[in-house]
Amino acid sequence: MTRLRDIPGIGAPLWRLKRRLFPRRFHGSRSYWVERYAGGGNSGLGSYDELAEFKAEVLNAFVRGEKVRTVIEYGCGDGNQLGLAEYPSYTGFDVSPQALELCRARFKSDRSKSFQLLDEYSGERADLTLSLDVIYHLVEDHIFEEHMQLLFASADRFVIVYSSNVNENPPETAPHVRQRRFTDWVDSHQPGWSLRKRIPNRFPYDPKSGKGSMAEFFVYEKVGE
C-alpha cells in the first residue's frame, strides 16, 4: 500500500498538512520513537545533510586522535549518521525494533557493527559512549536519569554528548521535546568525570529560518585517565 508521503509531487506536503491538522497523540518518549520508526519516520534533520557531516567530522577526528577502539551509542536511530562514522568497533542501542532492523539491513556486511534493543543491555562497556541528539527528546525525568546513568557507567574513558543545554521550554515546544541543562546533572552526579571540551555547532539554530541546531558537543573525560 502506497503511503501518503510517498505520492510523487504532492505526497509530502499533504502528509505534513495532515500531521499539523491531526497531530499524533503523545504517549511518552519511548512510544513516540517506536511509533515514529514503525510509521516510516527517520532519525530527524540532525542526522542528515550538513549537520550529519559536521557531527561525523568532529567524532571521527576524536576517535582517531584519542585512539578509541570501542564505541557504544545510546539512540542509534536509523543509521544514517552512522553511515559517516569511522569507528573500529561499534555497538548501537535503541528502543525501536524498526530502527534496529534498518541498521542491521544497512550494515549487514560490516562485522565491526552490532545493534541491540536498549532493553537487552547486559553490561557492555566501551572506551567511548555517545548520546547524539537524544537528551532533549527524553521528556520524562526517570528516563532522562536512566539514560545519563547508563551513558557514564558504561564508559571507560570518554563520554560525548551532542545536545542543547538550556532549560527553556516555551508553550509551543513539541510534546516530544524537552530542553534540559544536562551539564548541571553531570556536575551533581558524576564527580569522576570532567568536561574536557565544548564544541559549538557549525550550524547554530536560526529561529527566523528554522534551520540549524541548538545542539553542541560536550566531551567528558574520566578523571585520572
N, C-alpha and C. Protein backbone atom coordinates (compact mmCIF):
# COMPACT_ATOMS: atom_id res chain seq x y z
N MET A 1 0.84 -1.19 0.00
CA MET A 1 0.00 0.00 0.00
C MET A 1 0.88 1.25 0.00
N THR A 2 0.58 2.18 -0.92
CA THR A 2 1.36 3.40 -1.02
C THR A 2 1.02 4.35 0.12
N ARG A 3 2.06 4.83 0.81
CA ARG A 3 1.84 5.78 1.89
C ARG A 3 1.63 7.18 1.33
N LEU A 4 0.86 8.01 2.04
CA LEU A 4 0.56 9.36 1.58
C LEU A 4 1.83 10.13 1.25
N ARG A 5 2.84 10.03 2.11
CA ARG A 5 4.05 10.82 1.92
C ARG A 5 4.85 10.40 0.68
N ASP A 6 4.56 9.19 0.14
CA ASP A 6 5.32 8.67 -0.99
C ASP A 6 4.70 9.01 -2.34
N ILE A 7 3.54 9.65 -2.37
CA ILE A 7 2.91 10.03 -3.63
C ILE A 7 3.74 11.14 -4.27
N PRO A 8 4.24 10.92 -5.50
CA PRO A 8 5.13 11.92 -6.14
C PRO A 8 4.48 13.30 -6.22
N GLY A 9 5.26 14.31 -5.89
CA GLY A 9 4.83 15.69 -6.07
C GLY A 9 4.02 16.26 -4.93
N ILE A 10 2.93 15.59 -4.57
CA ILE A 10 2.01 16.16 -3.58
C ILE A 10 2.01 15.41 -2.26
N GLY A 11 2.59 14.22 -2.23
CA GLY A 11 2.50 13.37 -1.05
C GLY A 11 3.09 13.99 0.20
N ALA A 12 4.32 14.46 0.11
CA ALA A 12 5.00 15.01 1.29
C ALA A 12 4.29 16.25 1.85
N PRO A 13 3.91 17.25 1.00
CA PRO A 13 3.18 18.41 1.55
C PRO A 13 1.85 18.03 2.19
N LEU A 14 1.12 17.09 1.58
CA LEU A 14 -0.15 16.67 2.15
C LEU A 14 0.05 15.96 3.48
N TRP A 15 1.10 15.16 3.55
CA TRP A 15 1.39 14.43 4.80
C TRP A 15 1.71 15.41 5.92
N ARG A 16 2.52 16.44 5.61
CA ARG A 16 2.86 17.44 6.63
C ARG A 16 1.62 18.21 7.08
N LEU A 17 0.72 18.53 6.13
CA LEU A 17 -0.52 19.22 6.48
C LEU A 17 -1.39 18.35 7.38
N LYS A 18 -1.47 17.07 7.06
CA LYS A 18 -2.25 16.15 7.88
C LYS A 18 -1.70 16.09 9.30
N ARG A 19 -0.37 16.06 9.44
CA ARG A 19 0.23 15.99 10.77
C ARG A 19 -0.04 17.25 11.57
N ARG A 20 -0.10 18.42 10.90
CA ARG A 20 -0.40 19.66 11.61
C ARG A 20 -1.86 19.71 12.06
N LEU A 21 -2.76 19.26 11.19
CA LEU A 21 -4.18 19.32 11.50
C LEU A 21 -4.61 18.22 12.46
N PHE A 22 -3.97 17.06 12.35
CA PHE A 22 -4.34 15.93 13.18
C PHE A 22 -3.08 15.35 13.84
N PRO A 23 -2.51 16.08 14.79
CA PRO A 23 -1.27 15.63 15.41
C PRO A 23 -1.45 14.30 16.15
N ARG A 24 -0.39 13.48 16.09
CA ARG A 24 -0.41 12.21 16.78
C ARG A 24 -0.37 12.43 18.29
N ARG A 25 -1.18 11.68 19.02
CA ARG A 25 -1.15 11.79 20.46
C ARG A 25 0.20 11.35 21.00
N PHE A 26 0.66 12.06 22.02
CA PHE A 26 1.97 11.74 22.60
C PHE A 26 1.77 10.86 23.82
N HIS A 27 2.37 9.65 23.78
CA HIS A 27 2.21 8.69 24.86
C HIS A 27 3.53 8.43 25.60
N GLY A 28 4.50 9.31 25.42
CA GLY A 28 5.77 9.13 26.11
C GLY A 28 6.93 9.00 25.14
N SER A 29 8.13 9.25 25.64
CA SER A 29 9.33 9.26 24.81
C SER A 29 9.53 7.95 24.07
N ARG A 30 9.49 6.85 24.79
CA ARG A 30 9.73 5.54 24.17
C ARG A 30 8.69 5.25 23.09
N SER A 31 7.42 5.43 23.43
CA SER A 31 6.36 5.14 22.46
C SER A 31 6.47 6.03 21.23
N TYR A 32 6.85 7.29 21.44
CA TYR A 32 6.95 8.21 20.30
C TYR A 32 7.93 7.68 19.26
N TRP A 33 9.13 7.26 19.71
CA TRP A 33 10.14 6.83 18.75
C TRP A 33 9.84 5.45 18.17
N VAL A 34 9.26 4.58 18.96
CA VAL A 34 8.85 3.28 18.42
C VAL A 34 7.82 3.48 17.31
N GLU A 35 6.82 4.33 17.58
CA GLU A 35 5.77 4.58 16.60
C GLU A 35 6.30 5.36 15.40
N ARG A 36 7.22 6.25 15.63
CA ARG A 36 7.77 7.06 14.53
C ARG A 36 8.48 6.18 13.51
N TYR A 37 9.35 5.30 13.99
CA TYR A 37 10.07 4.43 13.05
C TYR A 37 9.14 3.40 12.43
N ALA A 38 8.21 2.88 13.21
CA ALA A 38 7.26 1.91 12.68
C ALA A 38 6.40 2.52 11.57
N GLY A 39 6.17 3.83 11.65
CA GLY A 39 5.38 4.52 10.65
C GLY A 39 6.18 5.03 9.47
N GLY A 40 7.45 4.66 9.39
CA GLY A 40 8.28 5.08 8.27
C GLY A 40 9.07 6.34 8.49
N GLY A 41 9.07 6.87 9.71
CA GLY A 41 9.83 8.08 10.01
C GLY A 41 11.32 7.79 10.12
N ASN A 42 12.11 8.86 10.21
CA ASN A 42 13.55 8.70 10.32
C ASN A 42 14.07 9.37 11.59
N SER A 43 15.39 9.48 11.69
CA SER A 43 16.01 10.00 12.91
C SER A 43 15.95 11.51 13.04
N GLY A 44 15.47 12.19 12.01
CA GLY A 44 15.34 13.64 12.10
C GLY A 44 16.43 14.38 11.35
N LEU A 45 16.24 15.68 11.21
CA LEU A 45 17.14 16.51 10.41
C LEU A 45 18.57 16.51 10.93
N GLY A 46 18.74 16.33 12.23
CA GLY A 46 20.08 16.37 12.80
C GLY A 46 20.98 15.24 12.36
N SER A 47 20.41 14.19 11.77
CA SER A 47 21.19 13.04 11.32
C SER A 47 21.38 13.02 9.81
N TYR A 48 21.06 14.13 9.17
CA TYR A 48 21.14 14.19 7.72
C TYR A 48 21.86 15.46 7.26
N ASP A 49 22.39 15.41 6.04
CA ASP A 49 22.94 16.56 5.34
C ASP A 49 24.07 17.24 6.13
N GLU A 50 24.08 18.57 6.16
CA GLU A 50 25.24 19.29 6.70
C GLU A 50 25.44 19.04 8.19
N LEU A 51 24.36 18.87 8.95
CA LEU A 51 24.51 18.59 10.37
C LEU A 51 25.14 17.22 10.60
N ALA A 52 24.74 16.24 9.83
CA ALA A 52 25.33 14.90 9.95
C ALA A 52 26.81 14.94 9.59
N GLU A 53 27.15 15.68 8.57
CA GLU A 53 28.55 15.78 8.14
C GLU A 53 29.40 16.46 9.20
N PHE A 54 28.86 17.51 9.81
CA PHE A 54 29.58 18.20 10.88
C PHE A 54 29.82 17.27 12.06
N LYS A 55 28.80 16.54 12.47
CA LYS A 55 28.93 15.62 13.60
C LYS A 55 29.97 14.54 13.30
N ALA A 56 29.91 14.00 12.10
CA ALA A 56 30.85 12.94 11.73
C ALA A 56 32.29 13.46 11.71
N GLU A 57 32.48 14.66 11.23
CA GLU A 57 33.82 15.24 11.19
C GLU A 57 34.41 15.34 12.60
N VAL A 58 33.62 15.85 13.54
CA VAL A 58 34.08 16.00 14.92
C VAL A 58 34.35 14.64 15.55
N LEU A 59 33.42 13.72 15.42
CA LEU A 59 33.54 12.42 16.08
C LEU A 59 34.66 11.57 15.48
N ASN A 60 34.78 11.55 14.18
CA ASN A 60 35.83 10.75 13.56
C ASN A 60 37.22 11.27 13.93
N ALA A 61 37.37 12.59 13.98
CA ALA A 61 38.66 13.16 14.37
C ALA A 61 38.99 12.81 15.81
N PHE A 62 37.98 12.83 16.68
CA PHE A 62 38.21 12.50 18.08
C PHE A 62 38.60 11.03 18.23
N VAL A 63 37.90 10.15 17.58
CA VAL A 63 38.20 8.71 17.66
C VAL A 63 39.62 8.42 17.18
N ARG A 64 40.00 9.05 16.09
CA ARG A 64 41.37 8.85 15.58
C ARG A 64 42.40 9.43 16.54
N GLY A 65 42.17 10.66 16.97
CA GLY A 65 43.15 11.35 17.81
C GLY A 65 43.36 10.70 19.15
N GLU A 66 42.31 10.12 19.74
CA GLU A 66 42.40 9.51 21.06
C GLU A 66 42.59 7.99 21.00
N LYS A 67 42.72 7.48 19.76
CA LYS A 67 42.91 6.03 19.56
C LYS A 67 41.81 5.22 20.26
N VAL A 68 40.59 5.68 20.09
CA VAL A 68 39.43 4.98 20.63
C VAL A 68 39.21 3.69 19.84
N ARG A 69 39.06 2.58 20.55
CA ARG A 69 38.87 1.29 19.88
C ARG A 69 37.41 0.83 19.89
N THR A 70 36.67 1.16 20.93
CA THR A 70 35.29 0.68 21.04
C THR A 70 34.35 1.83 21.34
N VAL A 71 33.19 1.80 20.70
CA VAL A 71 32.19 2.87 20.84
C VAL A 71 30.83 2.24 21.09
N ILE A 72 30.10 2.79 22.04
CA ILE A 72 28.69 2.45 22.25
C ILE A 72 27.88 3.72 22.06
N GLU A 73 26.78 3.60 21.31
CA GLU A 73 25.87 4.74 21.15
C GLU A 73 24.50 4.36 21.67
N TYR A 74 23.94 5.23 22.50
CA TYR A 74 22.59 5.03 23.02
C TYR A 74 21.63 5.93 22.24
N GLY A 75 20.84 5.29 21.37
CA GLY A 75 19.96 6.01 20.47
C GLY A 75 20.54 6.05 19.07
N CYS A 76 20.81 4.87 18.50
CA CYS A 76 21.48 4.81 17.19
C CYS A 76 20.56 5.21 16.05
N GLY A 77 19.24 5.13 16.26
CA GLY A 77 18.31 5.58 15.23
C GLY A 77 18.36 4.75 13.97
N ASP A 78 18.14 5.41 12.82
CA ASP A 78 18.03 4.69 11.56
C ASP A 78 19.37 4.38 10.91
N GLY A 79 20.48 4.83 11.51
CA GLY A 79 21.80 4.50 10.99
C GLY A 79 22.35 5.47 9.97
N ASN A 80 21.60 6.52 9.63
CA ASN A 80 22.12 7.45 8.62
C ASN A 80 23.37 8.17 9.12
N GLN A 81 23.34 8.65 10.36
CA GLN A 81 24.52 9.29 10.94
C GLN A 81 25.69 8.31 11.00
N LEU A 82 25.41 7.09 11.37
CA LEU A 82 26.46 6.07 11.49
C LEU A 82 27.12 5.78 10.15
N GLY A 83 26.39 5.98 9.06
CA GLY A 83 26.96 5.74 7.75
C GLY A 83 28.18 6.60 7.44
N LEU A 84 28.35 7.70 8.19
CA LEU A 84 29.51 8.59 8.00
C LEU A 84 30.60 8.35 9.02
N ALA A 85 30.36 7.41 9.94
CA ALA A 85 31.29 7.20 11.05
C ALA A 85 32.45 6.29 10.66
N GLU A 86 33.56 6.48 11.37
CA GLU A 86 34.77 5.66 11.19
C GLU A 86 35.20 5.15 12.55
N TYR A 87 34.49 4.13 13.05
CA TYR A 87 34.75 3.56 14.36
C TYR A 87 35.29 2.14 14.21
N PRO A 88 36.36 1.79 14.93
CA PRO A 88 36.89 0.41 14.83
C PRO A 88 35.88 -0.65 15.25
N SER A 89 35.14 -0.39 16.34
CA SER A 89 34.15 -1.34 16.83
C SER A 89 33.00 -0.55 17.43
N TYR A 90 31.77 -0.90 17.03
CA TYR A 90 30.60 -0.08 17.40
C TYR A 90 29.43 -0.96 17.80
N THR A 91 28.76 -0.56 18.90
CA THR A 91 27.51 -1.18 19.30
C THR A 91 26.47 -0.09 19.46
N GLY A 92 25.34 -0.25 18.76
CA GLY A 92 24.27 0.74 18.84
C GLY A 92 23.07 0.17 19.56
N PHE A 93 22.53 0.93 20.50
CA PHE A 93 21.31 0.56 21.22
C PHE A 93 20.20 1.52 20.85
N ASP A 94 18.98 1.00 20.80
CA ASP A 94 17.82 1.85 20.55
C ASP A 94 16.59 1.19 21.14
N VAL A 95 15.54 2.00 21.36
CA VAL A 95 14.28 1.47 21.89
C VAL A 95 13.39 0.92 20.78
N SER A 96 13.71 1.25 19.53
CA SER A 96 12.84 0.90 18.41
C SER A 96 13.32 -0.34 17.66
N PRO A 97 12.53 -1.41 17.62
CA PRO A 97 12.89 -2.58 16.82
C PRO A 97 13.02 -2.25 15.34
N GLN A 98 12.17 -1.35 14.83
CA GLN A 98 12.22 -1.00 13.42
C GLN A 98 13.52 -0.28 13.08
N ALA A 99 13.96 0.62 13.97
CA ALA A 99 15.23 1.32 13.74
C ALA A 99 16.38 0.33 13.68
N LEU A 100 16.36 -0.67 14.55
CA LEU A 100 17.43 -1.67 14.54
C LEU A 100 17.39 -2.51 13.28
N GLU A 101 16.20 -2.80 12.77
CA GLU A 101 16.09 -3.54 11.51
C GLU A 101 16.72 -2.74 10.37
N LEU A 102 16.48 -1.44 10.36
CA LEU A 102 17.07 -0.58 9.33
C LEU A 102 18.58 -0.61 9.42
N CYS A 103 19.11 -0.52 10.63
CA CYS A 103 20.57 -0.53 10.83
C CYS A 103 21.17 -1.87 10.42
N ARG A 104 20.55 -2.94 10.83
CA ARG A 104 21.09 -4.27 10.51
C ARG A 104 21.08 -4.51 9.01
N ALA A 105 20.05 -4.05 8.34
CA ALA A 105 19.99 -4.22 6.89
C ALA A 105 21.06 -3.36 6.20
N ARG A 106 21.23 -2.15 6.68
CA ARG A 106 22.18 -1.24 6.05
C ARG A 106 23.63 -1.69 6.25
N PHE A 107 23.93 -2.24 7.41
CA PHE A 107 25.31 -2.60 7.73
C PHE A 107 25.50 -4.11 7.84
N LYS A 108 24.72 -4.88 7.10
CA LYS A 108 24.75 -6.33 7.22
C LYS A 108 26.10 -6.94 6.86
N SER A 109 26.87 -6.25 6.04
CA SER A 109 28.18 -6.79 5.66
C SER A 109 29.32 -6.20 6.48
N ASP A 110 29.00 -5.37 7.47
CA ASP A 110 30.01 -4.71 8.29
C ASP A 110 30.07 -5.41 9.65
N ARG A 111 31.07 -6.24 9.84
CA ARG A 111 31.17 -7.03 11.06
C ARG A 111 31.67 -6.22 12.25
N SER A 112 32.07 -4.98 12.03
CA SER A 112 32.53 -4.13 13.14
C SER A 112 31.37 -3.49 13.89
N LYS A 113 30.14 -3.66 13.38
CA LYS A 113 28.98 -3.02 13.97
C LYS A 113 27.95 -4.05 14.42
N SER A 114 27.33 -3.78 15.58
CA SER A 114 26.24 -4.62 16.07
C SER A 114 25.18 -3.73 16.68
N PHE A 115 23.94 -4.25 16.78
CA PHE A 115 22.82 -3.45 17.22
C PHE A 115 21.93 -4.26 18.16
N GLN A 116 21.46 -3.61 19.22
CA GLN A 116 20.62 -4.29 20.21
C GLN A 116 19.53 -3.35 20.72
N LEU A 117 18.43 -3.95 21.15
CA LEU A 117 17.42 -3.18 21.86
C LEU A 117 17.99 -2.70 23.18
N LEU A 118 17.58 -1.53 23.59
CA LEU A 118 18.07 -0.99 24.87
C LEU A 118 17.72 -1.92 26.02
N ASP A 119 16.56 -2.56 25.94
CA ASP A 119 16.14 -3.48 27.00
C ASP A 119 17.04 -4.71 27.09
N GLU A 120 17.85 -4.95 26.06
CA GLU A 120 18.74 -6.11 26.03
C GLU A 120 20.14 -5.78 26.55
N TYR A 121 20.35 -4.55 27.01
CA TYR A 121 21.67 -4.18 27.52
C TYR A 121 22.07 -5.12 28.66
N SER A 122 23.30 -5.64 28.58
CA SER A 122 23.74 -6.62 29.58
C SER A 122 25.16 -6.37 30.05
N GLY A 123 25.47 -5.09 30.31
CA GLY A 123 26.76 -4.77 30.90
C GLY A 123 27.86 -4.42 29.92
N GLU A 124 27.54 -4.20 28.65
CA GLU A 124 28.56 -3.84 27.67
C GLU A 124 29.25 -2.53 28.06
N ARG A 125 30.54 -2.43 27.73
CA ARG A 125 31.33 -1.25 28.03
C ARG A 125 32.12 -0.85 26.78
N ALA A 126 32.59 0.41 26.76
CA ALA A 126 33.37 0.88 25.62
C ALA A 126 34.30 2.00 26.06
N ASP A 127 35.33 2.24 25.26
CA ASP A 127 36.20 3.39 25.50
C ASP A 127 35.40 4.68 25.50
N LEU A 128 34.46 4.77 24.56
CA LEU A 128 33.68 5.99 24.35
C LEU A 128 32.20 5.64 24.24
N THR A 129 31.36 6.38 24.96
CA THR A 129 29.91 6.25 24.80
C THR A 129 29.36 7.56 24.24
N LEU A 130 28.30 7.43 23.44
CA LEU A 130 27.74 8.57 22.72
C LEU A 130 26.26 8.74 23.02
N SER A 131 25.85 10.00 23.13
CA SER A 131 24.44 10.39 23.18
C SER A 131 24.28 11.56 22.22
N LEU A 132 23.75 11.29 21.02
CA LEU A 132 23.68 12.29 19.96
C LEU A 132 22.23 12.65 19.65
N ASP A 133 21.87 13.89 19.90
CA ASP A 133 20.50 14.35 19.63
C ASP A 133 19.47 13.50 20.36
N VAL A 134 19.77 13.10 21.59
CA VAL A 134 18.88 12.23 22.34
C VAL A 134 18.31 12.93 23.57
N ILE A 135 19.14 13.60 24.33
CA ILE A 135 18.74 14.09 25.66
C ILE A 135 17.51 14.99 25.60
N TYR A 136 17.43 15.87 24.61
CA TYR A 136 16.28 16.77 24.58
C TYR A 136 15.01 16.09 24.07
N HIS A 137 15.10 14.80 23.79
CA HIS A 137 13.90 14.02 23.47
C HIS A 137 13.47 13.14 24.64
N LEU A 138 14.16 13.21 25.74
CA LEU A 138 13.81 12.41 26.91
C LEU A 138 12.94 13.27 27.83
N VAL A 139 11.65 13.22 27.61
CA VAL A 139 10.73 14.12 28.28
C VAL A 139 10.56 13.77 29.76
N GLU A 140 10.50 12.48 30.06
CA GLU A 140 10.27 12.05 31.44
C GLU A 140 11.57 12.08 32.24
N ASP A 141 11.47 12.55 33.49
CA ASP A 141 12.67 12.66 34.33
C ASP A 141 13.33 11.31 34.57
N HIS A 142 12.56 10.26 34.80
CA HIS A 142 13.17 8.97 35.12
C HIS A 142 13.88 8.37 33.91
N ILE A 143 13.37 8.63 32.71
CA ILE A 143 14.03 8.12 31.51
C ILE A 143 15.32 8.90 31.26
N PHE A 144 15.28 10.20 31.48
CA PHE A 144 16.50 11.01 31.39
C PHE A 144 17.54 10.50 32.37
N GLU A 145 17.13 10.26 33.59
CA GLU A 145 18.05 9.78 34.63
C GLU A 145 18.66 8.43 34.24
N GLU A 146 17.85 7.51 33.77
CA GLU A 146 18.36 6.19 33.37
C GLU A 146 19.36 6.32 32.22
N HIS A 147 19.04 7.18 31.25
CA HIS A 147 19.93 7.37 30.11
C HIS A 147 21.28 7.91 30.56
N MET A 148 21.26 8.92 31.40
CA MET A 148 22.51 9.53 31.84
C MET A 148 23.35 8.58 32.69
N GLN A 149 22.69 7.86 33.58
CA GLN A 149 23.42 6.91 34.42
C GLN A 149 24.10 5.84 33.57
N LEU A 150 23.39 5.29 32.60
CA LEU A 150 23.96 4.25 31.75
C LEU A 150 25.07 4.81 30.86
N LEU A 151 24.87 6.00 30.35
CA LEU A 151 25.85 6.64 29.49
C LEU A 151 27.22 6.72 30.15
N PHE A 152 27.24 7.15 31.41
CA PHE A 152 28.51 7.31 32.11
C PHE A 152 29.00 6.01 32.73
N ALA A 153 28.09 5.18 33.20
CA ALA A 153 28.50 3.94 33.86
C ALA A 153 29.16 2.97 32.90
N SER A 154 28.83 3.03 31.62
CA SER A 154 29.36 2.07 30.64
C SER A 154 30.56 2.60 29.87
N ALA A 155 31.03 3.80 30.22
CA ALA A 155 32.18 4.39 29.52
C ALA A 155 33.46 4.20 30.32
N ASP A 156 34.51 3.74 29.66
CA ASP A 156 35.79 3.54 30.32
C ASP A 156 36.70 4.77 30.25
N ARG A 157 36.56 5.58 29.18
CA ARG A 157 37.46 6.71 29.02
C ARG A 157 36.73 8.03 28.74
N PHE A 158 35.81 8.00 27.79
CA PHE A 158 35.18 9.24 27.34
C PHE A 158 33.67 9.09 27.19
N VAL A 159 32.98 10.21 27.39
CA VAL A 159 31.56 10.33 27.06
C VAL A 159 31.41 11.58 26.20
N ILE A 160 30.72 11.45 25.08
CA ILE A 160 30.43 12.62 24.24
C ILE A 160 28.93 12.77 24.12
N VAL A 161 28.46 13.95 24.50
CA VAL A 161 27.05 14.30 24.38
C VAL A 161 26.93 15.38 23.32
N TYR A 162 25.98 15.20 22.42
CA TYR A 162 25.64 16.23 21.43
C TYR A 162 24.19 16.60 21.70
N SER A 163 24.00 17.79 22.30
CA SER A 163 22.65 18.17 22.73
C SER A 163 22.59 19.67 22.99
N SER A 164 21.37 20.18 23.07
CA SER A 164 21.19 21.52 23.62
C SER A 164 21.46 21.44 25.12
N ASN A 165 21.62 22.61 25.75
CA ASN A 165 21.96 22.62 27.17
C ASN A 165 21.32 23.82 27.85
N VAL A 166 20.00 23.92 27.68
CA VAL A 166 19.22 25.00 28.27
C VAL A 166 17.96 24.42 28.89
N ASN A 167 17.32 25.21 29.75
CA ASN A 167 16.06 24.79 30.36
C ASN A 167 14.88 25.59 29.81
N GLU A 168 14.99 26.05 28.59
CA GLU A 168 13.95 26.89 28.00
C GLU A 168 12.97 26.03 27.21
N ASN A 169 11.72 25.97 27.67
CA ASN A 169 10.69 25.18 27.01
C ASN A 169 9.41 26.00 26.91
N PRO A 170 9.32 26.85 25.88
CA PRO A 170 8.12 27.69 25.72
C PRO A 170 6.89 26.83 25.41
N PRO A 171 5.70 27.40 25.55
CA PRO A 171 4.46 26.62 25.38
C PRO A 171 4.34 25.93 24.03
N GLU A 172 4.94 26.50 22.98
CA GLU A 172 4.81 25.90 21.65
C GLU A 172 5.80 24.76 21.41
N THR A 173 6.59 24.40 22.41
CA THR A 173 7.53 23.29 22.26
C THR A 173 6.78 22.00 21.95
N ALA A 174 7.29 21.23 20.98
CA ALA A 174 6.66 19.96 20.60
C ALA A 174 6.62 19.02 21.80
N PRO A 175 5.60 18.17 21.90
CA PRO A 175 5.46 17.30 23.08
C PRO A 175 6.59 16.30 23.25
N HIS A 176 7.31 15.97 22.16
CA HIS A 176 8.41 15.00 22.28
C HIS A 176 9.76 15.69 22.50
N VAL A 177 9.72 16.97 22.82
CA VAL A 177 10.96 17.73 23.05
C VAL A 177 10.91 18.36 24.44
N ARG A 178 12.01 18.23 25.16
CA ARG A 178 12.17 18.92 26.44
C ARG A 178 13.64 19.30 26.59
N GLN A 179 13.90 20.58 26.48
CA GLN A 179 15.28 21.06 26.63
C GLN A 179 15.70 20.92 28.09
N ARG A 180 16.94 20.50 28.28
CA ARG A 180 17.48 20.34 29.64
C ARG A 180 18.90 20.87 29.71
N ARG A 181 19.20 21.52 30.80
CA ARG A 181 20.59 21.89 31.08
C ARG A 181 21.24 20.67 31.75
N PHE A 182 21.60 19.72 30.92
CA PHE A 182 22.05 18.43 31.43
C PHE A 182 23.41 18.51 32.12
N THR A 183 24.20 19.54 31.84
CA THR A 183 25.51 19.66 32.47
C THR A 183 25.38 19.82 33.98
N ASP A 184 24.27 20.40 34.45
CA ASP A 184 24.05 20.50 35.89
C ASP A 184 23.94 19.12 36.51
N TRP A 185 23.26 18.21 35.81
CA TRP A 185 23.11 16.83 36.29
C TRP A 185 24.48 16.16 36.37
N VAL A 186 25.30 16.34 35.35
CA VAL A 186 26.63 15.71 35.34
C VAL A 186 27.46 16.25 36.50
N ASP A 187 27.43 17.55 36.70
CA ASP A 187 28.21 18.15 37.79
C ASP A 187 27.79 17.59 39.14
N SER A 188 26.51 17.31 39.31
CA SER A 188 25.99 16.84 40.60
C SER A 188 26.14 15.34 40.81
N HIS A 189 26.11 14.56 39.72
CA HIS A 189 26.02 13.11 39.85
C HIS A 189 27.24 12.34 39.35
N GLN A 190 28.15 13.01 38.66
CA GLN A 190 29.31 12.31 38.09
C GLN A 190 30.61 13.02 38.46
N PRO A 191 30.99 13.00 39.74
CA PRO A 191 32.21 13.70 40.16
C PRO A 191 33.48 13.10 39.57
N GLY A 192 33.41 11.90 39.07
CA GLY A 192 34.59 11.26 38.49
C GLY A 192 34.84 11.63 37.04
N TRP A 193 34.05 12.58 36.52
CA TRP A 193 34.19 12.99 35.13
C TRP A 193 34.39 14.49 35.03
N SER A 194 35.18 14.90 34.03
CA SER A 194 35.48 16.31 33.83
C SER A 194 35.13 16.72 32.40
N LEU A 195 34.53 17.90 32.25
CA LEU A 195 34.23 18.41 30.93
C LEU A 195 35.53 18.87 30.28
N ARG A 196 35.96 18.14 29.31
CA ARG A 196 37.23 18.43 28.65
C ARG A 196 37.12 19.49 27.57
N LYS A 197 36.01 19.45 26.83
CA LYS A 197 35.87 20.38 25.71
C LYS A 197 34.40 20.57 25.36
N ARG A 198 34.08 21.79 24.97
CA ARG A 198 32.75 22.10 24.42
C ARG A 198 32.95 22.64 23.01
N ILE A 199 32.27 22.05 22.04
CA ILE A 199 32.45 22.43 20.65
C ILE A 199 31.15 23.00 20.12
N PRO A 200 31.12 24.31 19.83
CA PRO A 200 29.89 24.92 19.31
C PRO A 200 29.49 24.32 17.96
N ASN A 201 28.22 24.43 17.65
CA ASN A 201 27.72 23.92 16.38
C ASN A 201 28.16 24.82 15.24
N ARG A 202 28.62 24.23 14.17
CA ARG A 202 28.99 24.99 12.99
C ARG A 202 27.77 25.61 12.32
N PHE A 203 26.61 25.01 12.61
CA PHE A 203 25.36 25.49 12.02
C PHE A 203 24.35 25.77 13.15
N PRO A 204 24.57 26.84 13.90
CA PRO A 204 23.69 27.14 15.03
C PRO A 204 22.27 27.43 14.57
N TYR A 205 21.33 27.18 15.45
CA TYR A 205 19.92 27.34 15.12
C TYR A 205 19.56 28.78 14.81
N ASP A 206 18.86 29.00 13.71
CA ASP A 206 18.39 30.32 13.30
C ASP A 206 16.87 30.33 13.43
N PRO A 207 16.31 31.02 14.43
CA PRO A 207 14.86 30.99 14.64
C PRO A 207 14.07 31.57 13.47
N LYS A 208 14.66 32.44 12.67
CA LYS A 208 13.95 33.02 11.53
C LYS A 208 13.73 32.00 10.43
N SER A 209 14.75 31.24 10.11
CA SER A 209 14.65 30.25 9.03
C SER A 209 14.25 28.87 9.53
N GLY A 210 14.47 28.63 10.85
CA GLY A 210 14.21 27.30 11.40
C GLY A 210 15.29 26.30 11.08
N LYS A 211 16.38 26.75 10.49
CA LYS A 211 17.47 25.85 10.11
C LYS A 211 18.55 25.83 11.19
N GLY A 212 19.40 24.81 11.14
CA GLY A 212 20.47 24.68 12.11
C GLY A 212 20.02 23.91 13.33
N SER A 213 20.86 23.90 14.35
CA SER A 213 20.58 23.11 15.55
C SER A 213 21.06 23.84 16.79
N MET A 214 20.34 23.64 17.89
CA MET A 214 20.75 24.18 19.19
C MET A 214 21.78 23.28 19.85
N ALA A 215 22.01 22.11 19.31
CA ALA A 215 22.92 21.14 19.93
C ALA A 215 24.38 21.53 19.74
N GLU A 216 25.18 21.20 20.73
CA GLU A 216 26.63 21.37 20.69
C GLU A 216 27.28 20.09 21.23
N PHE A 217 28.58 19.96 21.02
CA PHE A 217 29.31 18.81 21.55
C PHE A 217 29.86 19.13 22.94
N PHE A 218 29.69 18.15 23.84
CA PHE A 218 30.26 18.23 25.19
C PHE A 218 31.06 16.94 25.38
N VAL A 219 32.37 17.11 25.53
CA VAL A 219 33.27 15.96 25.62
C VAL A 219 33.72 15.80 27.08
N TYR A 220 33.36 14.68 27.67
CA TYR A 220 33.74 14.39 29.06
C TYR A 220 34.83 13.32 29.09
N GLU A 221 35.74 13.50 30.04
CA GLU A 221 36.84 12.57 30.21
C GLU A 221 36.86 12.07 31.66
N LYS A 222 37.13 10.80 31.83
CA LYS A 222 37.19 10.23 33.16
C LYS A 222 38.40 10.80 33.89
N VAL A 223 38.17 11.27 35.09
CA VAL A 223 39.23 11.89 35.88
C VAL A 223 40.30 10.85 36.20
N GLY A 224 41.55 11.22 35.95
CA GLY A 224 42.66 10.31 36.25
C GLY A 224 43.04 9.42 35.11
N GLU A 225 42.27 9.45 34.00
CA GLU A 225 42.57 8.59 32.86
C GLU A 225 43.58 9.27 31.94
